[in-house]
Amino acid sequence: MQNQGMNIQIKLYAYLNKYDTRLTEEKIAIEKAIRELHFSSEHVNNKKIILKLLSFLSYTDDVVEKDIIRNALEVVLLFTSDDI
C-alpha cells in the first residue's frame, strides 16, 4: 500500500514537471500537503492529499492563495480514480 502512495507522488510530480513554471505554486502546495502527511506519519494517498489541501483552503483568507490551492486540488483530482 505504501508503494501505491509513492506511485501517486511520482505520477503527480511527472505531470507537474511537464508544465515547467506554469504550475510551480500548485506543486509547492501539493508538496506541502504530502510533507505534512509524512510528518504526521499518515499514509499518503490522493484522498489524504485532497483532505489536506481542503484544510489549507479553509485556513487561508488570501484570495490568490485560495486560487492556487483550488488549482492544486484540480491537479490531484486528475489523478484520482473513481471509487465506483
PDB file of N, CA and C in Angstrom:
ATOM      1  N   MET A   1       0.819  -1.186   0.000  1.00  0.00           N
ATOM      2  CA  MET A   1       0.000   0.000   0.000  1.00  0.00           C
ATOM      3  C   MET A   1       0.870   1.260   0.000  1.00  0.00           C
ATOM      4  N   GLN A   2       1.989   1.210   0.728  1.00  0.00           N
ATOM      5  CA  GLN A   2       2.910   2.341   0.741  1.00  0.00           C
ATOM      6  C   GLN A   2       3.467   2.589  -0.651  1.00  0.00           C
ATOM      7  N   ASN A   3       3.701   1.519  -1.407  1.00  0.00           N
ATOM      8  CA  ASN A   3       4.199   1.630  -2.771  1.00  0.00           C
ATOM      9  C   ASN A   3       3.215   2.399  -3.643  1.00  0.00           C
ATOM     10  N   GLN A   4       1.918   2.196  -3.407  1.00  0.00           N
ATOM     11  CA  GLN A   4       0.896   2.911  -4.170  1.00  0.00           C
ATOM     12  C   GLN A   4       0.995   4.410  -3.899  1.00  0.00           C
ATOM     13  N   GLY A   5       1.255   4.794  -2.647  1.00  0.00           N
ATOM     14  CA  GLY A   5       1.415   6.201  -2.301  1.00  0.00           C
ATOM     15  C   GLY A   5       2.586   6.828  -3.040  1.00  0.00           C
ATOM     16  N   MET A   6       3.688   6.096  -3.123  1.00  0.00           N
ATOM     17  CA  MET A   6       4.853   6.598  -3.849  1.00  0.00           C
ATOM     18  C   MET A   6       4.550   6.708  -5.336  1.00  0.00           C
ATOM     19  N   ASN A   7       3.802   5.750  -5.880  1.00  0.00           N
ATOM     20  CA  ASN A   7       3.432   5.761  -7.287  1.00  0.00           C
ATOM     21  C   ASN A   7       2.584   6.995  -7.606  1.00  0.00           C
ATOM     22  N   ILE A   8       1.656   7.333  -6.729  1.00  0.00           N
ATOM     23  CA  ILE A   8       0.821   8.526  -6.901  1.00  0.00           C
ATOM     24  C   ILE A   8       1.700   9.763  -6.935  1.00  0.00           C
ATOM     25  N   GLN A   9       2.636   9.855  -5.994  1.00  0.00           N
ATOM     26  CA  GLN A   9       3.525  11.010  -5.930  1.00  0.00           C
ATOM     27  C   GLN A   9       4.353  11.129  -7.199  1.00  0.00           C
ATOM     28  N   ILE A  10       4.877  10.032  -7.690  1.00  0.00           N
ATOM     29  CA  ILE A  10       5.701  10.047  -8.904  1.00  0.00           C
ATOM     30  C   ILE A  10       4.889  10.544 -10.088  1.00  0.00           C
ATOM     31  N   LYS A  11       3.657  10.058 -10.231  1.00  0.00           N
ATOM     32  CA  LYS A  11       2.801  10.498 -11.332  1.00  0.00           C
ATOM     33  C   LYS A  11       2.461  11.980 -11.216  1.00  0.00           C
ATOM     34  N   LEU A  12       2.163  12.433  -9.999  1.00  0.00           N
ATOM     35  CA  LEU A  12       1.863  13.853  -9.790  1.00  0.00           C
ATOM     36  C   LEU A  12       3.059  14.723 -10.151  1.00  0.00           C
ATOM     37  N   TYR A  13       4.242  14.346  -9.658  1.00  0.00           N
ATOM     38  CA  TYR A  13       5.447  15.130  -9.941  1.00  0.00           C
ATOM     39  C   TYR A  13       5.768  15.145 -11.431  1.00  0.00           C
ATOM     40  N   ALA A  14       5.591  14.022 -12.088  1.00  0.00           N
ATOM     41  CA  ALA A  14       5.848  13.967 -13.532  1.00  0.00           C
ATOM     42  C   ALA A  14       4.913  14.918 -14.268  1.00  0.00           C
ATOM     43  N   TYR A  15       3.649  14.930 -13.881  1.00  0.00           N
ATOM     44  CA  TYR A  15       2.675  15.822 -14.511  1.00  0.00           C
ATOM     45  C   TYR A  15       3.037  17.284 -14.246  1.00  0.00           C
ATOM     46  N   LEU A  16       3.344  17.598 -12.992  1.00  0.00           N
ATOM     47  CA  LEU A  16       3.661  18.983 -12.632  1.00  0.00           C
ATOM     48  C   LEU A  16       4.949  19.453 -13.293  1.00  0.00           C
ATOM     49  N   ASN A  17       5.942  18.593 -13.377  1.00  0.00           N
ATOM     50  CA  ASN A  17       7.211  18.972 -14.002  1.00  0.00           C
ATOM     51  C   ASN A  17       7.072  19.173 -15.502  1.00  0.00           C
ATOM     52  N   LYS A  18       6.098  18.522 -16.098  1.00  0.00           N
ATOM     53  CA  LYS A  18       5.860  18.659 -17.537  1.00  0.00           C
ATOM     54  C   LYS A  18       5.480  20.104 -17.899  1.00  0.00           C
ATOM     55  N   TYR A  19       4.871  20.805 -16.951  1.00  0.00           N
ATOM     56  CA  TYR A  19       4.405  22.162 -17.220  1.00  0.00           C
ATOM     57  C   TYR A  19       5.368  23.237 -16.727  1.00  0.00           C
ATOM     58  N   ASP A  20       6.578  22.862 -16.423  1.00  0.00           N
ATOM     59  CA  ASP A  20       7.642  23.781 -16.023  1.00  0.00           C
ATOM     60  C   ASP A  20       7.168  24.770 -14.964  1.00  0.00           C
ATOM     61  N   THR A  21       7.146  26.057 -15.318  1.00  0.00           N
ATOM     62  CA  THR A  21       6.854  27.090 -14.328  1.00  0.00           C
ATOM     63  C   THR A  21       5.376  27.431 -14.215  1.00  0.00           C
ATOM     64  N   ARG A  22       4.545  26.894 -15.082  1.00  0.00           N
ATOM     65  CA  ARG A  22       3.123  27.254 -15.040  1.00  0.00           C
ATOM     66  C   ARG A  22       2.414  26.737 -13.797  1.00  0.00           C
ATOM     67  N   LEU A  23       2.845  25.641 -13.245  1.00  0.00           N
ATOM     68  CA  LEU A  23       2.186  25.063 -12.072  1.00  0.00           C
ATOM     69  C   LEU A  23       3.106  25.036 -10.851  1.00  0.00           C
ATOM     70  N   THR A  24       4.054  25.944 -10.799  1.00  0.00           N
ATOM     71  CA  THR A  24       5.026  25.957  -9.707  1.00  0.00           C
ATOM     72  C   THR A  24       4.355  26.113  -8.348  1.00  0.00           C
ATOM     73  N   GLU A  25       3.458  27.065  -8.225  1.00  0.00           N
ATOM     74  CA  GLU A  25       2.798  27.308  -6.942  1.00  0.00           C
ATOM     75  C   GLU A  25       1.922  26.123  -6.534  1.00  0.00           C
ATOM     76  N   GLU A  26       1.267  25.517  -7.499  1.00  0.00           N
ATOM     77  CA  GLU A  26       0.436  24.352  -7.213  1.00  0.00           C
ATOM     78  C   GLU A  26       1.299  23.186  -6.741  1.00  0.00           C
ATOM     79  N   LYS A  27       2.457  23.029  -7.372  1.00  0.00           N
ATOM     80  CA  LYS A  27       3.388  21.970  -6.971  1.00  0.00           C
ATOM     81  C   LYS A  27       3.834  22.185  -5.528  1.00  0.00           C
ATOM     82  N   ILE A  28       4.105  23.425  -5.167  1.00  0.00           N
ATOM     83  CA  ILE A  28       4.515  23.739  -3.795  1.00  0.00           C
ATOM     84  C   ILE A  28       3.402  23.383  -2.811  1.00  0.00           C
ATOM     85  N   ALA A  29       2.156  23.701  -3.163  1.00  0.00           N
ATOM     86  CA  ALA A  29       1.021  23.388  -2.287  1.00  0.00           C
ATOM     87  C   ALA A  29       0.864  21.880  -2.110  1.00  0.00           C
ATOM     88  N   ILE A  30       0.993  21.136  -3.195  1.00  0.00           N
ATOM     89  CA  ILE A  30       0.870  19.672  -3.127  1.00  0.00           C
ATOM     90  C   ILE A  30       2.025  19.079  -2.322  1.00  0.00           C
ATOM     91  N   GLU A  31       3.234  19.581  -2.543  1.00  0.00           N
ATOM     92  CA  GLU A  31       4.395  19.098  -1.783  1.00  0.00           C
ATOM     93  C   GLU A  31       4.223  19.377  -0.295  1.00  0.00           C
ATOM     94  N   LYS A  32       3.675  20.551   0.035  1.00  0.00           N
ATOM     95  CA  LYS A  32       3.436  20.894   1.442  1.00  0.00           C
ATOM     96  C   LYS A  32       2.439  19.908   2.058  1.00  0.00           C
ATOM     97  N   ALA A  33       1.381  19.585   1.330  1.00  0.00           N
ATOM     98  CA  ALA A  33       0.387  18.629   1.830  1.00  0.00           C
ATOM     99  C   ALA A  33       1.025  17.261   2.059  1.00  0.00           C
ATOM    100  N   ILE A  34       1.806  16.801   1.093  1.00  0.00           N
ATOM    101  CA  ILE A  34       2.471  15.498   1.209  1.00  0.00           C
ATOM    102  C   ILE A  34       3.457  15.504   2.375  1.00  0.00           C
ATOM    103  N   ARG A  35       4.215  16.581   2.501  1.00  0.00           N
ATOM    104  CA  ARG A  35       5.191  16.693   3.588  1.00  0.00           C
ATOM    105  C   ARG A  35       4.493  16.640   4.953  1.00  0.00           C
ATOM    106  N   GLU A  36       3.386  17.360   5.103  1.00  0.00           N
ATOM    107  CA  GLU A  36       2.662  17.346   6.375  1.00  0.00           C
ATOM    108  C   GLU A  36       2.093  15.962   6.682  1.00  0.00           C
ATOM    109  N   LEU A  37       1.650  15.260   5.651  1.00  0.00           N
ATOM    110  CA  LEU A  37       1.157  13.895   5.861  1.00  0.00           C
ATOM    111  C   LEU A  37       2.290  12.975   6.315  1.00  0.00           C
ATOM    112  N   HIS A  38       3.461  13.117   5.699  1.00  0.00           N
ATOM    113  CA  HIS A  38       4.616  12.303   6.104  1.00  0.00           C
ATOM    114  C   HIS A  38       5.023  12.617   7.540  1.00  0.00           C
ATOM    115  N   PHE A  39       5.063  13.912   7.897  1.00  0.00           N
ATOM    116  CA  PHE A  39       5.469  14.302   9.247  1.00  0.00           C
ATOM    117  C   PHE A  39       4.513  13.778  10.305  1.00  0.00           C
ATOM    118  N   SER A  40       3.248  13.644   9.956  1.00  0.00           N
ATOM    119  CA  SER A  40       2.280  13.117  10.924  1.00  0.00           C
ATOM    120  C   SER A  40       2.149  11.595  10.804  1.00  0.00           C
ATOM    121  N   SER A  41       3.067  10.988  10.053  1.00  0.00           N
ATOM    122  CA  SER A  41       3.128   9.529   9.854  1.00  0.00           C
ATOM    123  C   SER A  41       1.848   8.955   9.262  1.00  0.00           C
ATOM    124  N   GLU A  42       1.171   9.756   8.455  1.00  0.00           N
ATOM    125  CA  GLU A  42      -0.035   9.272   7.786  1.00  0.00           C
ATOM    126  C   GLU A  42       0.335   8.664   6.439  1.00  0.00           C
ATOM    127  N   HIS A  43      -0.463   7.685   6.027  1.00  0.00           N
ATOM    128  CA  HIS A  43      -0.300   7.086   4.703  1.00  0.00           C
ATOM    129  C   HIS A  43      -0.663   8.141   3.659  1.00  0.00           C
ATOM    130  N   VAL A  44       0.150   8.281   2.645  1.00  0.00           N
ATOM    131  CA  VAL A  44      -0.099   9.277   1.603  1.00  0.00           C
ATOM    132  C   VAL A  44      -0.867   8.631   0.459  1.00  0.00           C
ATOM    133  N   ASN A  45      -2.040   9.169   0.190  1.00  0.00           N
ATOM    134  CA  ASN A  45      -2.817   8.768  -0.974  1.00  0.00           C
ATOM    135  C   ASN A  45      -3.587  10.001  -1.456  1.00  0.00           C
ATOM    136  N   ASN A  46      -4.245   9.873  -2.574  1.00  0.00           N
ATOM    137  CA  ASN A  46      -4.930  11.034  -3.143  1.00  0.00           C
ATOM    138  C   ASN A  46      -5.978  11.606  -2.198  1.00  0.00           C
ATOM    139  N   LYS A  47      -6.726  10.727  -1.543  1.00  0.00           N
ATOM    140  CA  LYS A  47      -7.771  11.194  -0.632  1.00  0.00           C
ATOM    141  C   LYS A  47      -7.177  12.045   0.486  1.00  0.00           C
ATOM    142  N   LYS A  48      -6.078  11.588   1.064  1.00  0.00           N
ATOM    143  CA  LYS A  48      -5.442  12.335   2.155  1.00  0.00           C
ATOM    144  C   LYS A  48      -4.870  13.663   1.653  1.00  0.00           C
ATOM    145  N   ILE A  49      -4.302  13.654   0.445  1.00  0.00           N
ATOM    146  CA  ILE A  49      -3.772  14.893  -0.131  1.00  0.00           C
ATOM    147  C   ILE A  49      -4.913  15.879  -0.355  1.00  0.00           C
ATOM    148  N   ILE A  50      -6.030  15.396  -0.885  1.00  0.00           N
ATOM    149  CA  ILE A  50      -7.193  16.260  -1.123  1.00  0.00           C
ATOM    150  C   ILE A  50      -7.701  16.842   0.190  1.00  0.00           C
ATOM    151  N   LEU A  51      -7.827  16.008   1.211  1.00  0.00           N
ATOM    152  CA  LEU A  51      -8.300  16.494   2.509  1.00  0.00           C
ATOM    153  C   LEU A  51      -7.348  17.529   3.102  1.00  0.00           C
ATOM    154  N   LYS A  52      -6.054  17.299   2.943  1.00  0.00           N
ATOM    155  CA  LYS A  52      -5.070  18.254   3.469  1.00  0.00           C
ATOM    156  C   LYS A  52      -5.166  19.581   2.722  1.00  0.00           C
ATOM    157  N   LEU A  53      -5.296  19.527   1.392  1.00  0.00           N
ATOM    158  CA  LEU A  53      -5.444  20.757   0.608  1.00  0.00           C
ATOM    159  C   LEU A  53      -6.729  21.492   0.989  1.00  0.00           C
ATOM    160  N   LEU A  54      -7.800  20.752   1.236  1.00  0.00           N
ATOM    161  CA  LEU A  54      -9.050  21.382   1.676  1.00  0.00           C
ATOM    162  C   LEU A  54      -8.875  22.066   3.027  1.00  0.00           C
ATOM    163  N   SER A  55      -8.078  21.470   3.899  1.00  0.00           N
ATOM    164  CA  SER A  55      -7.822  22.121   5.191  1.00  0.00           C
ATOM    165  C   SER A  55      -7.016  23.403   4.993  1.00  0.00           C
ATOM    166  N   PHE A  56      -6.055  23.384   4.063  1.00  0.00           N
ATOM    167  CA  PHE A  56      -5.314  24.610   3.742  1.00  0.00           C
ATOM    168  C   PHE A  56      -6.280  25.681   3.246  1.00  0.00           C
ATOM    169  N   LEU A  57      -7.205  25.274   2.405  1.00  0.00           N
ATOM    170  CA  LEU A  57      -8.176  26.193   1.815  1.00  0.00           C
ATOM    171  C   LEU A  57      -9.039  26.838   2.896  1.00  0.00           C
ATOM    172  N   SER A  58      -9.396  26.075   3.901  1.00  0.00           N
ATOM    173  CA  SER A  58     -10.267  26.606   4.951  1.00  0.00           C
ATOM    174  C   SER A  58      -9.534  27.543   5.910  1.00  0.00           C
ATOM    175  N   TYR A  59      -8.203  27.474   5.938  1.00  0.00           N
ATOM    176  CA  TYR A  59      -7.447  28.295   6.877  1.00  0.00           C
ATOM    177  C   TYR A  59      -6.847  29.557   6.279  1.00  0.00           C
ATOM    178  N   THR A  60      -7.006  29.774   4.994  1.00  0.00           N
ATOM    179  CA  THR A  60      -6.417  30.966   4.388  1.00  0.00           C
ATOM    180  C   THR A  60      -7.498  31.953   3.972  1.00  0.00           C
ATOM    181  N   ASP A  61      -7.164  33.227   4.092  1.00  0.00           N
ATOM    182  CA  ASP A  61      -8.066  34.289   3.650  1.00  0.00           C
ATOM    183  C   ASP A  61      -7.549  34.948   2.378  1.00  0.00           C
ATOM    184  N   ASP A  62      -6.335  34.602   1.982  1.00  0.00           N
ATOM    185  CA  ASP A  62      -5.704  35.192   0.801  1.00  0.00           C
ATOM    186  C   ASP A  62      -6.353  34.631  -0.465  1.00  0.00           C
ATOM    187  N   VAL A  63      -6.925  35.522  -1.271  1.00  0.00           N
ATOM    188  CA  VAL A  63      -7.645  35.119  -2.480  1.00  0.00           C
ATOM    189  C   VAL A  63      -6.716  34.420  -3.470  1.00  0.00           C
ATOM    190  N   VAL A  64      -5.509  34.920  -3.627  1.00  0.00           N
ATOM    191  CA  VAL A  64      -4.554  34.320  -4.566  1.00  0.00           C
ATOM    192  C   VAL A  64      -4.158  32.925  -4.088  1.00  0.00           C
ATOM    193  N   GLU A  65      -3.892  32.805  -2.799  1.00  0.00           N
ATOM    194  CA  GLU A  65      -3.516  31.500  -2.250  1.00  0.00           C
ATOM    195  C   GLU A  65      -4.662  30.495  -2.393  1.00  0.00           C
ATOM    196  N   LYS A  66      -5.893  30.950  -2.183  1.00  0.00           N
ATOM    197  CA  LYS A  66      -7.057  30.067  -2.365  1.00  0.00           C
ATOM    198  C   LYS A  66      -7.132  29.573  -3.806  1.00  0.00           C
ATOM    199  N   ASP A  67      -6.846  30.455  -4.746  1.00  0.00           N
ATOM    200  CA  ASP A  67      -6.868  30.082  -6.161  1.00  0.00           C
ATOM    201  C   ASP A  67      -5.808  29.018  -6.465  1.00  0.00           C
ATOM    202  N   ILE A  68      -4.622  29.195  -5.899  1.00  0.00           N
ATOM    203  CA  ILE A  68      -3.533  28.231  -6.089  1.00  0.00           C
ATOM    204  C   ILE A  68      -3.931  26.871  -5.513  1.00  0.00           C
ATOM    205  N   ILE A  69      -4.519  26.879  -4.328  1.00  0.00           N
ATOM    206  CA  ILE A  69      -4.920  25.624  -3.689  1.00  0.00           C
ATOM    207  C   ILE A  69      -6.024  24.945  -4.496  1.00  0.00           C
ATOM    208  N   ARG A  70      -6.964  25.727  -5.014  1.00  0.00           N
ATOM    209  CA  ARG A  70      -8.025  25.145  -5.859  1.00  0.00           C
ATOM    210  C   ARG A  70      -7.428  24.492  -7.108  1.00  0.00           C
ATOM    211  N   ASN A  71      -6.465  25.171  -7.716  1.00  0.00           N
ATOM    212  CA  ASN A  71      -5.796  24.597  -8.893  1.00  0.00           C
ATOM    213  C   ASN A  71      -5.048  23.317  -8.524  1.00  0.00           C
ATOM    214  N   ALA A  72      -4.407  23.318  -7.353  1.00  0.00           N
ATOM    215  CA  ALA A  72      -3.704  22.123  -6.888  1.00  0.00           C
ATOM    216  C   ALA A  72      -4.694  20.978  -6.676  1.00  0.00           C
ATOM    217  N   LEU A  73      -5.865  21.296  -6.135  1.00  0.00           N
ATOM    218  CA  LEU A  73      -6.905  20.281  -5.962  1.00  0.00           C
ATOM    219  C   LEU A  73      -7.319  19.688  -7.304  1.00  0.00           C
ATOM    220  N   GLU A  74      -7.456  20.534  -8.308  1.00  0.00           N
ATOM    221  CA  GLU A  74      -7.818  20.057  -9.645  1.00  0.00           C
ATOM    222  C   GLU A  74      -6.768  19.087 -10.185  1.00  0.00           C
ATOM    223  N   VAL A  75      -5.498  19.410  -9.957  1.00  0.00           N
ATOM    224  CA  VAL A  75      -4.419  18.538 -10.427  1.00  0.00           C
ATOM    225  C   VAL A  75      -4.501  17.178  -9.736  1.00  0.00           C
ATOM    226  N   VAL A  76      -4.681  17.182  -8.416  1.00  0.00           N
ATOM    227  CA  VAL A  76      -4.763  15.916  -7.684  1.00  0.00           C
ATOM    228  C   VAL A  76      -5.989  15.122  -8.137  1.00  0.00           C
ATOM    229  N   LEU A  77      -7.091  15.814  -8.370  1.00  0.00           N
ATOM    230  CA  LEU A  77      -8.306  15.126  -8.820  1.00  0.00           C
ATOM    231  C   LEU A  77      -8.122  14.463 -10.181  1.00  0.00           C
ATOM    232  N   LEU A  78      -7.256  15.030 -11.014  1.00  0.00           N
ATOM    233  CA  LEU A  78      -6.961  14.400 -12.303  1.00  0.00           C
ATOM    234  C   LEU A  78      -6.365  13.003 -12.125  1.00  0.00           C
ATOM    235  N   PHE A  79      -5.680  12.803 -11.001  1.00  0.00           N
ATOM    236  CA  PHE A  79      -5.004  11.534 -10.740  1.00  0.00           C
ATOM    237  C   PHE A  79      -5.761  10.656  -9.748  1.00  0.00           C
ATOM    238  N   THR A  80      -7.009  11.008  -9.486  1.00  0.00           N
ATOM    239  CA  THR A  80      -7.810  10.239  -8.550  1.00  0.00           C
ATOM    240  C   THR A  80      -8.813   9.403  -9.323  1.00  0.00           C
ATOM    241  N   SER A  81      -8.682   8.097  -9.181  1.00  0.00           N
ATOM    242  CA  SER A  81      -9.621   7.217  -9.879  1.00  0.00           C
ATOM    243  C   SER A  81     -10.949   7.195  -9.135  1.00  0.00           C
ATOM    244  N   ASP A  82     -11.991   6.950  -9.866  1.00  0.00           N
ATOM    245  CA  ASP A  82     -13.327   6.889  -9.299  1.00  0.00           C
ATOM    246  C   ASP A  82     -13.477   5.598  -8.506  1.00  0.00           C
ATOM    247  N   ASP A  83     -14.025   5.690  -7.310  1.00  0.00           N
ATOM    248  CA  ASP A  83     -14.172   4.516  -6.440  1.00  0.00           C
ATOM    249  C   ASP A  83     -15.441   3.724  -6.708  1.00  0.00           C
ATOM    250  N   ILE A  84     -16.174   4.070  -7.738  1.00  0.00           N
ATOM    251  CA  ILE A  84     -17.442   3.387  -8.024  1.00  0.00           C
ATOM    252  C   ILE A  84     -17.183   2.030  -8.633  1.00  0.00           C
TER     253      ILE A  84
END
